[in-house]
């Protein structure tokens, strides 16, 4: 009897070579990706957020503890070199046999746009952090559905034993993201005709998804201030386009945002495009997007400052 039990145990172990009993160690670079993969894997994975503090992924510096986190991961989820260029030399050195690297920008059929240039009326200036592709893909919920589906298929291929969990969680996640997509469009519906300025040209995907007018970037280098020529151009645009609002994000100096708003007689809002509500408690993706568009809507639908 003991011998039969031993044979059964041995056969079960051999036939389940692709089973993964430990929770997957998953590293996601930014809160929207961390929220997405957490909803997808549930209790089957332990998700670690790499960029835990607010700031720009474009200019992040890796700490020794970050390097240890990346090297001990089973899966690394990032947007791609267009956003997290700091991660490129690290990923070139990781063991691809033991660590699965998933780039959201590599997903098939993803809706993508190129960076836009800023014109001062005479010359067009383009300033791109890394490449020509705008990497802020998470600001379109439809894109996040595509990313979640591609990630699900990749995980099933690598960990077949998680197929049922991933399929079930994806079905629920897809419904939530589709509902969020409609919610975002409903909130911004009455703002579709309003022009607005941005400090950081990061809202293109949201603008296209919600059918907003294209945002008007202040400058390619807002931290350097505005030239007299550029300020004149902006004041003319404010008058002709009836601009109401200026939007910045947490990566930029709020005093700089307030200064620009005063010069142009605009209302302004600081937008959270990454979901860093507090240092220790990033917002999940649905809450982040809802908060973002409500913040925008409150400015765009308000009466123009006298």
C-alpha atoms as a PDB file:
ATOM      1  CA  UNK A   1       0.000   0.000   0.000  1.00  0.00           C
ATOM      2  CA  UNK A   2       2.811   2.388   0.922  1.00  0.00           C
ATOM      3  CA  UNK A   3       4.530   1.484  -2.334  1.00  0.00           C
ATOM      4  CA  UNK A   4       1.389   2.331  -4.343  1.00  0.00           C
ATOM      5  CA  UNK A   5       1.081   5.664  -2.525  1.00  0.00           C
ATOM      6  CA  UNK A   6       4.727   6.408  -3.326  1.00  0.00           C
ATOM      7  CA  UNK A   7       4.155   5.661  -7.022  1.00  0.00           C
ATOM      8  CA  UNK A   8       1.065   7.909  -7.054  1.00  0.00           C
ATOM      9  CA  UNK A   9       2.988  10.759  -5.415  1.00  0.00           C
ATOM     10  CA  UNK A  10       5.906  10.328  -7.818  1.00  0.00           C
ATOM     11  CA  UNK A  11       3.640  10.261 -10.883  1.00  0.00           C
ATOM     12  CA  UNK A  12       1.745  13.349  -9.690  1.00  0.00           C
ATOM     13  CA  UNK A  13       4.990  15.274  -9.160  1.00  0.00           C
ATOM     14  CA  UNK A  14       6.367  14.364 -12.565  1.00  0.00           C
ATOM     15  CA  UNK A  15       3.128  15.171 -14.391  1.00  0.00           C
ATOM     16  CA  UNK A  16       2.969  18.594 -12.779  1.00  0.00           C
ATOM     17  CA  UNK A  17       6.318  19.946 -13.791  1.00  0.00           C
ATOM     18  CA  UNK A  18       4.706  23.169 -14.941  1.00  0.00           C
ATOM     19  CA  UNK A  19       2.857  23.701 -11.651  1.00  0.00           C
ATOM     20  CA  UNK A  20       3.884  26.728  -9.599  1.00  0.00           C
ATOM     21  CA  UNK A  21       2.994  26.374  -5.934  1.00  0.00           C
ATOM     22  CA  UNK A  22       4.741  29.481  -4.560  1.00  0.00           C
ATOM     23  CA  UNK A  23       3.213  32.937  -5.116  1.00  0.00           C
ATOM     24  CA  UNK A  24       4.817  34.593  -8.122  1.00  0.00           C
ATOM     25  CA  UNK A  25       7.202  37.427  -7.303  1.00  0.00           C
ATOM     26  CA  UNK A  26       6.098  40.232  -9.597  1.00  0.00           C
ATOM     27  CA  UNK A  27       7.721  43.643  -9.913  1.00  0.00           C
ATOM     28  CA  UNK A  28       5.747  46.418 -11.624  1.00  0.00           C
ATOM     29  CA  UNK A  29       7.360  49.769 -12.279  1.00  0.00           C
ATOM     30  CA  UNK A  30       4.401  52.168 -11.828  1.00  0.00           C
ATOM     31  CA  UNK A  31       1.096  52.035  -9.878  1.00  0.00           C
ATOM     32  CA  UNK A  32      -1.230  51.527 -12.896  1.00  0.00           C
ATOM     33  CA  UNK A  33       0.698  48.391 -13.899  1.00  0.00           C
ATOM     34  CA  UNK A  34       0.935  47.162 -10.305  1.00  0.00           C
ATOM     35  CA  UNK A  35      -2.829  47.562  -9.891  1.00  0.00           C
ATOM     36  CA  UNK A  36      -3.508  45.777 -13.176  1.00  0.00           C
ATOM     37  CA  UNK A  37      -1.345  42.732 -12.495  1.00  0.00           C
ATOM     38  CA  UNK A  38      -2.560  42.491  -8.887  1.00  0.00           C
ATOM     39  CA  UNK A  39      -6.154  42.244 -10.132  1.00  0.00           C
ATOM     40  CA  UNK A  40      -5.091  39.640 -12.673  1.00  0.00           C
ATOM     41  CA  UNK A  41      -3.072  37.242 -10.497  1.00  0.00           C
ATOM     42  CA  UNK A  42      -4.910  37.698  -7.180  1.00  0.00           C
ATOM     43  CA  UNK A  43      -3.445  35.565  -4.394  1.00  0.00           C
ATOM     44  CA  UNK A  44      -1.260  33.686  -6.872  1.00  0.00           C
ATOM     45  CA  UNK A  45       1.246  36.537  -6.917  1.00  0.00           C
ATOM     46  CA  UNK A  46       3.052  38.993  -4.662  1.00  0.00           C
ATOM     47  CA  UNK A  47       3.229  42.341  -6.452  1.00  0.00           C
ATOM     48  CA  UNK A  48       5.987  44.806  -5.594  1.00  0.00           C
ATOM     49  CA  UNK A  49       5.880  48.402  -6.839  1.00  0.00           C
ATOM     50  CA  UNK A  50       9.336  49.525  -7.964  1.00  0.00           C
ATOM     51  CA  UNK A  51       8.771  53.307  -8.076  1.00  0.00           C
ATOM     52  CA  UNK A  52       7.199  53.661  -4.649  1.00  0.00           C
ATOM     53  CA  UNK A  53       7.415  57.453  -4.383  1.00  0.00           C
ATOM     54  CA  UNK A  54       5.848  60.043  -6.634  1.00  0.00           C
ATOM     55  CA  UNK A  55       8.047  61.607  -9.256  1.00  0.00           C
ATOM     56  CA  UNK A  56       8.904  61.059 -12.882  1.00  0.00           C
ATOM     57  CA  UNK A  57       9.757  57.580 -14.212  1.00  0.00           C
ATOM     58  CA  UNK A  58      11.726  59.401 -16.911  1.00  0.00           C
ATOM     59  CA  UNK A  59      14.367  60.494 -14.400  1.00  0.00           C
ATOM     60  CA  UNK A  60      14.273  57.817 -11.699  1.00  0.00           C
ATOM     61  CA  UNK A  61      17.519  56.603 -10.127  1.00  0.00           C
ATOM     62  CA  UNK A  62      17.764  52.971  -9.038  1.00  0.00           C
ATOM     63  CA  UNK A  63      18.676  52.281  -5.399  1.00  0.00           C
ATOM     64  CA  UNK A  64      20.631  49.147  -4.347  1.00  0.00           C
ATOM     65  CA  UNK A  65      17.414  47.778  -2.819  1.00  0.00           C
ATOM     66  CA  UNK A  66      15.644  48.263  -6.166  1.00  0.00           C
ATOM     67  CA  UNK A  67      18.310  46.209  -7.891  1.00  0.00           C
ATOM     68  CA  UNK A  68      17.823  43.350  -5.425  1.00  0.00           C
ATOM     69  CA  UNK A  69      14.060  43.518  -5.953  1.00  0.00           C
ATOM     70  CA  UNK A  70      14.426  43.278  -9.734  1.00  0.00           C
ATOM     71  CA  UNK A  71      16.957  40.436  -9.595  1.00  0.00           C
ATOM     72  CA  UNK A  72      14.775  38.326  -7.273  1.00  0.00           C
ATOM     73  CA  UNK A  73      11.596  38.701  -9.366  1.00  0.00           C
ATOM     74  CA  UNK A  74       9.892  36.001 -11.413  1.00  0.00           C
ATOM     75  CA  UNK A  75       8.190  38.626 -13.601  1.00  0.00           C
ATOM     76  CA  UNK A  76       9.074  42.240 -14.343  1.00  0.00           C
ATOM     77  CA  UNK A  77       6.298  44.374 -15.780  1.00  0.00           C
ATOM     78  CA  UNK A  78       7.167  47.745 -17.295  1.00  0.00           C
ATOM     79  CA  UNK A  79       5.882  50.122 -19.957  1.00  0.00           C
ATOM     80  CA  UNK A  80       9.095  50.075 -21.976  1.00  0.00           C
ATOM     81  CA  UNK A  81      12.306  52.020 -22.601  1.00  0.00           C
ATOM     82  CA  UNK A  82      10.291  55.029 -23.785  1.00  0.00           C
ATOM     83  CA  UNK A  83       9.194  55.599 -20.164  1.00  0.00           C
ATOM     84  CA  UNK A  84      11.550  53.762 -17.780  1.00  0.00           C
ATOM     85  CA  UNK A  85      14.843  54.247 -19.627  1.00  0.00           C
ATOM     86  CA  UNK A  86      16.687  53.825 -16.303  1.00  0.00           C
ATOM     87  CA  UNK A  87      15.728  50.147 -16.336  1.00  0.00           C
ATOM     88  CA  UNK A  88      17.227  49.289 -19.737  1.00  0.00           C
ATOM     89  CA  UNK A  89      20.813  48.469 -18.591  1.00  0.00           C
ATOM     90  CA  UNK A  90      19.442  46.479 -15.644  1.00  0.00           C
ATOM     91  CA  UNK A  91      17.153  44.325 -17.787  1.00  0.00           C
ATOM     92  CA  UNK A  92      19.982  43.629 -20.219  1.00  0.00           C
ATOM     93  CA  UNK A  93      21.777  41.807 -17.401  1.00  0.00           C
ATOM     94  CA  UNK A  94      18.946  39.785 -15.826  1.00  0.00           C
ATOM     95  CA  UNK A  95      18.760  36.048 -16.441  1.00  0.00           C
ATOM     96  CA  UNK A  96      16.022  35.749 -19.084  1.00  0.00           C
ATOM     97  CA  UNK A  97      15.604  32.037 -18.288  1.00  0.00           C
ATOM     98  CA  UNK A  98      14.499  32.708 -14.704  1.00  0.00           C
ATOM     99  CA  UNK A  99      12.974  36.187 -15.074  1.00  0.00           C
ATOM    100  CA  UNK A 100      10.145  36.971 -17.471  1.00  0.00           C
ATOM    101  CA  UNK A 101      10.199  40.583 -18.696  1.00  0.00           C
ATOM    102  CA  UNK A 102       6.907  41.939 -20.027  1.00  0.00           C
ATOM    103  CA  UNK A 103       6.726  45.302 -21.828  1.00  0.00           C
ATOM    104  CA  UNK A 104       3.266  46.843 -22.075  1.00  0.00           C
ATOM    105  CA  UNK A 105       4.299  48.835 -25.142  1.00  0.00           C
ATOM    106  CA  UNK A 106       5.065  45.602 -27.004  1.00  0.00           C
ATOM    107  CA  UNK A 107       1.439  44.425 -26.844  1.00  0.00           C
ATOM    108  CA  UNK A 108      -0.109  43.712 -30.242  1.00  0.00           C
ATOM    109  CA  UNK A 109      -2.848  46.091 -31.506  1.00  0.00           C
ATOM    110  CA  UNK A 110      -2.155  48.604 -28.733  1.00  0.00           C
ATOM    111  CA  UNK A 111      -3.366  52.130 -29.508  1.00  0.00           C
ATOM    112  CA  UNK A 112      -0.220  54.289 -29.635  1.00  0.00           C
ATOM    113  CA  UNK A 113       0.653  57.850 -30.606  1.00  0.00           C
ATOM    114  CA  UNK A 114       3.842  59.718 -31.296  1.00  0.00           C
ATOM    115  CA  UNK A 115       5.006  62.685 -29.253  1.00  0.00           C
ATOM    116  CA  UNK A 116       3.686  66.074 -30.273  1.00  0.00           C
ATOM    117  CA  UNK A 117       5.832  69.129 -30.957  1.00  0.00           C
ATOM    118  CA  UNK A 118       5.411  72.657 -29.610  1.00  0.00           C
ATOM    119  CA  UNK A 119       5.310  75.614 -31.992  1.00  0.00           C
ATOM    120  CA  UNK A 120       6.065  79.196 -30.991  1.00  0.00           C
ATOM    121  CA  UNK A 121       4.503  80.465 -34.193  1.00  0.00           C
ATOM    122  CA  UNK A 122       7.798  80.324 -36.080  1.00  0.00           C
ATOM    123  CA  UNK A 123       9.513  77.065 -35.200  1.00  0.00           C
ATOM    124  CA  UNK A 124       8.410  73.648 -33.959  1.00  0.00           C
ATOM    125  CA  UNK A 125      10.343  72.196 -31.034  1.00  0.00           C
ATOM    126  CA  UNK A 126      10.281  68.545 -30.021  1.00  0.00           C
ATOM    127  CA  UNK A 127      11.736  67.217 -26.788  1.00  0.00           C
ATOM    128  CA  UNK A 128      11.437  63.486 -26.237  1.00  0.00           C
ATOM    129  CA  UNK A 129      12.774  61.623 -23.252  1.00  0.00           C
ATOM    130  CA  UNK A 130      13.533  58.367 -25.069  1.00  0.00           C
ATOM    131  CA  UNK A 131      12.329  57.775 -28.612  1.00  0.00           C
ATOM    132  CA  UNK A 132       9.385  59.149 -30.557  1.00  0.00           C
ATOM    133  CA  UNK A 133       6.567  57.094 -29.012  1.00  0.00           C
ATOM    134  CA  UNK A 134       4.366  58.638 -26.316  1.00  0.00           C
ATOM    135  CA  UNK A 135       4.489  56.006 -23.525  1.00  0.00           C
ATOM    136  CA  UNK A 136       1.503  57.157 -21.412  1.00  0.00           C
ATOM    137  CA  UNK A 137      -0.653  54.314 -22.728  1.00  0.00           C
ATOM    138  CA  UNK A 138      -2.373  53.600 -19.382  1.00  0.00           C
ATOM    139  CA  UNK A 139      -4.416  56.803 -19.692  1.00  0.00           C
ATOM    140  CA  UNK A 140      -6.656  54.958 -22.158  1.00  0.00           C
ATOM    141  CA  UNK A 141      -8.567  52.174 -20.311  1.00  0.00           C
ATOM    142  CA  UNK A 142      -9.036  50.283 -23.589  1.00  0.00           C
ATOM    143  CA  UNK A 143      -5.265  49.920 -23.815  1.00  0.00           C
ATOM    144  CA  UNK A 144      -5.224  48.464 -20.327  1.00  0.00           C
ATOM    145  CA  UNK A 145      -7.676  45.764 -21.425  1.00  0.00           C
ATOM    146  CA  UNK A 146      -5.276  44.800 -24.212  1.00  0.00           C
ATOM    147  CA  UNK A 147      -2.301  44.819 -21.827  1.00  0.00           C
ATOM    148  CA  UNK A 148      -4.169  42.669 -19.290  1.00  0.00           C
ATOM    149  CA  UNK A 149      -5.175  40.129 -21.942  1.00  0.00           C
ATOM    150  CA  UNK A 150      -1.661  39.863 -23.373  1.00  0.00           C
ATOM    151  CA  UNK A 151      -0.207  39.524 -19.877  1.00  0.00           C
ATOM    152  CA  UNK A 152      -2.737  36.828 -19.027  1.00  0.00           C
ATOM    153  CA  UNK A 153      -1.772  34.801 -22.113  1.00  0.00           C
ATOM    154  CA  UNK A 154       1.932  35.220 -21.358  1.00  0.00           C
ATOM    155  CA  UNK A 155       1.469  34.023 -17.771  1.00  0.00           C
ATOM    156  CA  UNK A 156      -0.650  31.044 -18.843  1.00  0.00           C
ATOM    157  CA  UNK A 157       2.066  30.022 -21.298  1.00  0.00           C
ATOM    158  CA  UNK A 158       4.708  30.194 -18.588  1.00  0.00           C
ATOM    159  CA  UNK A 159       2.582  28.882 -15.678  1.00  0.00           C
ATOM    160  CA  UNK A 160      -0.167  26.628 -17.107  1.00  0.00           C
ATOM    161  CA  UNK A 161      -1.359  25.608 -13.643  1.00  0.00           C
ATOM    162  CA  UNK A 162      -2.640  29.169 -13.114  1.00  0.00           C
ATOM    163  CA  UNK A 163      -4.831  29.116 -16.218  1.00  0.00           C
ATOM    164  CA  UNK A 164      -8.200  28.888 -14.431  1.00  0.00           C
ATOM    165  CA  UNK A 165      -7.339  31.617 -11.933  1.00  0.00           C
ATOM    166  CA  UNK A 166      -6.033  33.955 -14.627  1.00  0.00           C
ATOM    167  CA  UNK A 167      -8.968  33.361 -16.968  1.00  0.00           C
ATOM    168  CA  UNK A 168     -11.509  33.982 -14.217  1.00  0.00           C
ATOM    169  CA  UNK A 169      -9.754  37.102 -12.911  1.00  0.00           C
ATOM    170  CA  UNK A 170      -9.285  38.507 -16.413  1.00  0.00           C
ATOM    171  CA  UNK A 171     -12.977  38.152 -17.185  1.00  0.00           C
ATOM    172  CA  UNK A 172     -13.850  40.225 -14.124  1.00  0.00           C
ATOM    173  CA  UNK A 173     -11.046  42.719 -14.791  1.00  0.00           C
ATOM    174  CA  UNK A 174     -12.085  43.219 -18.422  1.00  0.00           C
ATOM    175  CA  UNK A 175     -15.624  44.097 -17.336  1.00  0.00           C
ATOM    176  CA  UNK A 176     -14.318  46.587 -14.756  1.00  0.00           C
ATOM    177  CA  UNK A 177     -12.024  48.260 -17.286  1.00  0.00           C
ATOM    178  CA  UNK A 178     -14.774  48.482 -19.903  1.00  0.00           C
ATOM    179  CA  UNK A 179     -17.058  50.108 -17.325  1.00  0.00           C
ATOM    180  CA  UNK A 180     -14.253  52.481 -16.348  1.00  0.00           C
ATOM    181  CA  UNK A 181     -13.730  53.439 -19.980  1.00  0.00           C
ATOM    182  CA  UNK A 182     -17.377  54.445 -20.252  1.00  0.00           C
ATOM    183  CA  UNK A 183     -17.290  56.222 -16.883  1.00  0.00           C
ATOM    184  CA  UNK A 184     -14.299  58.337 -17.961  1.00  0.00           C
ATOM    185  CA  UNK A 185     -16.051  59.348 -21.174  1.00  0.00           C
ATOM    186  CA  UNK A 186     -19.260  60.231 -19.302  1.00  0.00           C
ATOM    187  CA  UNK A 187     -17.434  62.444 -16.788  1.00  0.00           C
ATOM    188  CA  UNK A 188     -15.605  64.367 -19.529  1.00  0.00           C
ATOM    189  CA  UNK A 189     -18.511  64.497 -21.980  1.00  0.00           C
ATOM    190  CA  UNK A 190     -19.362  68.138 -21.172  1.00  0.00           C
ATOM    191  CA  UNK A 191     -15.705  69.165 -21.457  1.00  0.00           C
ATOM    192  CA  UNK A 192     -15.091  68.010 -25.016  1.00  0.00           C
ATOM    193  CA  UNK A 193     -15.149  71.507 -26.527  1.00  0.00           C
ATOM    194  CA  UNK A 194     -12.824  73.146 -23.983  1.00  0.00           C
ATOM    195  CA  UNK A 195      -9.203  73.975 -24.782  1.00  0.00           C
ATOM    196  CA  UNK A 196      -6.562  73.666 -22.063  1.00  0.00           C
ATOM    197  CA  UNK A 197      -2.831  73.977 -21.497  1.00  0.00           C
ATOM    198  CA  UNK A 198      -0.549  71.326 -19.982  1.00  0.00           C
ATOM    199  CA  UNK A 199       2.882  71.622 -18.380  1.00  0.00           C
ATOM    200  CA  UNK A 200       3.714  68.026 -19.292  1.00  0.00           C
ATOM    201  CA  UNK A 201       2.335  66.629 -22.553  1.00  0.00           C
ATOM    202  CA  UNK A 202       1.116  63.357 -21.025  1.00  0.00           C
ATOM    203  CA  UNK A 203      -2.650  63.387 -21.661  1.00  0.00           C
ATOM    204  CA  UNK A 204      -2.792  62.498 -25.355  1.00  0.00           C
ATOM    205  CA  UNK A 205      -4.236  59.001 -24.803  1.00  0.00           C
ATOM    206  CA  UNK A 206      -6.946  60.320 -22.489  1.00  0.00           C
ATOM    207  CA  UNK A 207      -7.780  63.138 -24.904  1.00  0.00           C
ATOM    208  CA  UNK A 208      -8.207  60.732 -27.808  1.00  0.00           C
ATOM    209  CA  UNK A 209     -10.159  58.186 -25.774  1.00  0.00           C
ATOM    210  CA  UNK A 210     -12.574  60.750 -24.285  1.00  0.00           C
ATOM    211  CA  UNK A 211     -12.814  62.845 -27.466  1.00  0.00           C
ATOM    212  CA  UNK A 212     -11.312  65.962 -25.857  1.00  0.00           C
ATOM    213  CA  UNK A 213      -9.693  68.792 -27.775  1.00  0.00           C
ATOM    214  CA  UNK A 214      -5.924  68.229 -28.029  1.00  0.00           C
ATOM    215  CA  UNK A 215      -4.088  69.813 -25.106  1.00  0.00           C
ATOM    216  CA  UNK A 216      -1.760  72.736 -25.716  1.00  0.00           C
ATOM    217  CA  UNK A 217       1.737  72.172 -24.281  1.00  0.00           C
ATOM    218  CA  UNK A 218       3.187  75.253 -22.581  1.00  0.00           C
ATOM    219  CA  UNK A 219       6.753  74.613 -23.665  1.00  0.00           C
ATOM    220  CA  UNK A 220       9.203  71.800 -24.386  1.00  0.00           C
ATOM    221  CA  UNK A 221      11.194  72.913 -21.295  1.00  0.00           C
ATOM    222  CA  UNK A 222       8.686  74.427 -18.830  1.00  0.00           C
ATOM    223  CA  UNK A 223      11.169  74.277 -15.964  1.00  0.00           C
ATOM    224  CA  UNK A 224      13.285  76.888 -17.802  1.00  0.00           C
ATOM    225  CA  UNK A 225      10.441  79.407 -17.873  1.00  0.00           C
ATOM    226  CA  UNK A 226       8.850  81.114 -20.868  1.00  0.00           C
ATOM    227  CA  UNK A 227      10.439  83.428 -23.379  1.00  0.00           C
ATOM    228  CA  UNK A 228       8.725  86.741 -24.115  1.00  0.00           C
ATOM    229  CA  UNK A 229       7.837  85.472 -27.585  1.00  0.00           C
ATOM    230  CA  UNK A 230       6.331  82.270 -26.182  1.00  0.00           C
ATOM    231  CA  UNK A 231       4.339  84.178 -23.564  1.00  0.00           C
ATOM    232  CA  UNK A 232       2.867  86.428 -26.239  1.00  0.00           C
ATOM    233  CA  UNK A 233       1.936  83.379 -28.301  1.00  0.00           C
ATOM    234  CA  UNK A 234       0.271  81.720 -25.304  1.00  0.00           C
ATOM    235  CA  UNK A 235      -1.755  84.840 -24.453  1.00  0.00           C
ATOM    236  CA  UNK A 236      -2.979  84.963 -28.032  1.00  0.00           C
ATOM    237  CA  UNK A 237      -3.993  81.299 -27.860  1.00  0.00           C
ATOM    238  CA  UNK A 238      -5.828  81.922 -24.564  1.00  0.00           C
ATOM    239  CA  UNK A 239      -7.834  84.682 -26.223  1.00  0.00           C
ATOM    240  CA  UNK A 240      -8.586  82.888 -29.490  1.00  0.00           C
ATOM    241  CA  UNK A 241      -9.225  79.398 -28.061  1.00  0.00           C
ATOM    242  CA  UNK A 242     -10.937  80.650 -24.859  1.00  0.00           C
ATOM    243  CA  UNK A 243      -8.616  78.530 -22.738  1.00  0.00           C
ATOM    244  CA  UNK A 244      -9.799  78.047 -19.146  1.00  0.00           C
ATOM    245  CA  UNK A 245      -7.343  75.724 -17.479  1.00  0.00           C
ATOM    246  CA  UNK A 246      -3.723  74.788 -17.047  1.00  0.00           C
ATOM    247  CA  UNK A 247      -2.906  71.257 -15.891  1.00  0.00           C
ATOM    248  CA  UNK A 248       0.341  70.125 -14.309  1.00  0.00           C
ATOM    249  CA  UNK A 249       1.374  66.934 -12.585  1.00  0.00           C
ATOM    250  CA  UNK A 250       3.226  66.023  -9.413  1.00  0.00           C
ATOM    251  CA  UNK A 251       6.573  65.727 -11.149  1.00  0.00           C
ATOM    252  CA  UNK A 252       6.697  69.502 -11.654  1.00  0.00           C
ATOM    253  CA  UNK A 253       7.093  72.381  -9.218  1.00  0.00           C
ATOM    254  CA  UNK A 254       3.609  73.561  -8.109  1.00  0.00           C
ATOM    255  CA  UNK A 255       4.930  77.111  -7.699  1.00  0.00           C
ATOM    256  CA  UNK A 256       5.957  77.084 -11.367  1.00  0.00           C
ATOM    257  CA  UNK A 257       2.460  75.946 -12.317  1.00  0.00           C
ATOM    258  CA  UNK A 258       0.867  78.731 -10.235  1.00  0.00           C
ATOM    259  CA  UNK A 259       3.230  81.297 -11.774  1.00  0.00           C
ATOM    260  CA  UNK A 260       2.288  80.307 -15.332  1.00  0.00           C
ATOM    261  CA  UNK A 261      -1.405  80.336 -14.436  1.00  0.00           C
ATOM    262  CA  UNK A 262      -1.176  83.875 -13.022  1.00  0.00           C
ATOM    263  CA  UNK A 263       0.611  85.179 -16.113  1.00  0.00           C
ATOM    264  CA  UNK A 264      -2.082  83.752 -18.362  1.00  0.00           C
ATOM    265  CA  UNK A 265      -5.063  84.395 -16.053  1.00  0.00           C
ATOM    266  CA  UNK A 266      -6.002  80.708 -15.917  1.00  0.00           C
ATOM    267  CA  UNK A 267      -7.312  78.301 -13.321  1.00  0.00           C
ATOM    268  CA  UNK A 268      -4.962  75.416 -12.674  1.00  0.00           C
ATOM    269  CA  UNK A 269      -5.007  71.881 -11.286  1.00  0.00           C
ATOM    270  CA  UNK A 270      -2.300  69.410 -10.322  1.00  0.00           C
ATOM    271  CA  UNK A 271      -3.153  66.043 -11.870  1.00  0.00           C
ATOM    272  CA  UNK A 272      -2.055  62.663 -10.566  1.00  0.00           C
ATOM    273  CA  UNK A 273      -1.331  60.704 -13.750  1.00  0.00           C
ATOM    274  CA  UNK A 274       0.438  57.842 -11.945  1.00  0.00           C
ATOM    275  CA  UNK A 275      -1.731  57.176  -8.882  1.00  0.00           C
ATOM    276  CA  UNK A 276       0.541  58.348  -6.065  1.00  0.00           C
ATOM    277  CA  UNK A 277      -2.053  59.509  -3.557  1.00  0.00           C
ATOM    278  CA  UNK A 278       0.280  58.987  -0.598  1.00  0.00           C
ATOM    279  CA  UNK A 279       3.758  57.563  -0.324  1.00  0.00           C
ATOM    280  CA  UNK A 280       2.645  54.248   1.189  1.00  0.00           C
ATOM    281  CA  UNK A 281      -0.758  53.828  -0.441  1.00  0.00           C
ATOM    282  CA  UNK A 282      -0.847  54.303  -4.218  1.00  0.00           C
ATOM    283  CA  UNK A 283      -4.329  54.401  -5.693  1.00  0.00           C
ATOM    284  CA  UNK A 284      -5.564  51.456  -7.688  1.00  0.00           C
ATOM    285  CA  UNK A 285      -6.022  52.113 -11.393  1.00  0.00           C
ATOM    286  CA  UNK A 286      -9.787  52.625 -11.349  1.00  0.00           C
ATOM    287  CA  UNK A 287      -9.601  55.133  -8.490  1.00  0.00           C
ATOM    288  CA  UNK A 288      -6.651  56.907 -10.115  1.00  0.00           C
ATOM    289  CA  UNK A 289      -8.441  57.409 -13.421  1.00  0.00           C
ATOM    290  CA  UNK A 290     -11.689  58.482 -11.753  1.00  0.00           C
ATOM    291  CA  UNK A 291      -9.880  61.022  -9.571  1.00  0.00           C
ATOM    292  CA  UNK A 292      -7.913  62.310 -12.562  1.00  0.00           C
ATOM    293  CA  UNK A 293     -10.898  62.982 -14.818  1.00  0.00           C
ATOM    294  CA  UNK A 294     -13.014  64.451 -12.004  1.00  0.00           C
ATOM    295  CA  UNK A 295     -10.170  66.868 -11.284  1.00  0.00           C
ATOM    296  CA  UNK A 296      -9.980  67.837 -14.935  1.00  0.00           C
ATOM    297  CA  UNK A 297     -13.725  68.177 -15.298  1.00  0.00           C
ATOM    298  CA  UNK A 298     -14.021  70.445 -12.236  1.00  0.00           C
ATOM    299  CA  UNK A 299     -11.679  72.930 -13.900  1.00  0.00           C
ATOM    300  CA  UNK A 300     -12.899  72.648 -17.480  1.00  0.00           C
ATOM    301  CA  UNK A 301     -16.557  73.108 -16.598  1.00  0.00           C
ATOM    302  CA  UNK A 302     -16.011  75.958 -14.097  1.00  0.00           C
ATOM    303  CA  UNK A 303     -16.571  79.558 -15.031  1.00  0.00           C
ATOM    304  CA  UNK A 304     -13.575  81.388 -16.491  1.00  0.00           C
ATOM    305  CA  UNK A 305     -11.598  83.484 -14.020  1.00  0.00           C
ATOM    306  CA  UNK A 306     -12.321  87.232 -14.373  1.00  0.00           C
END
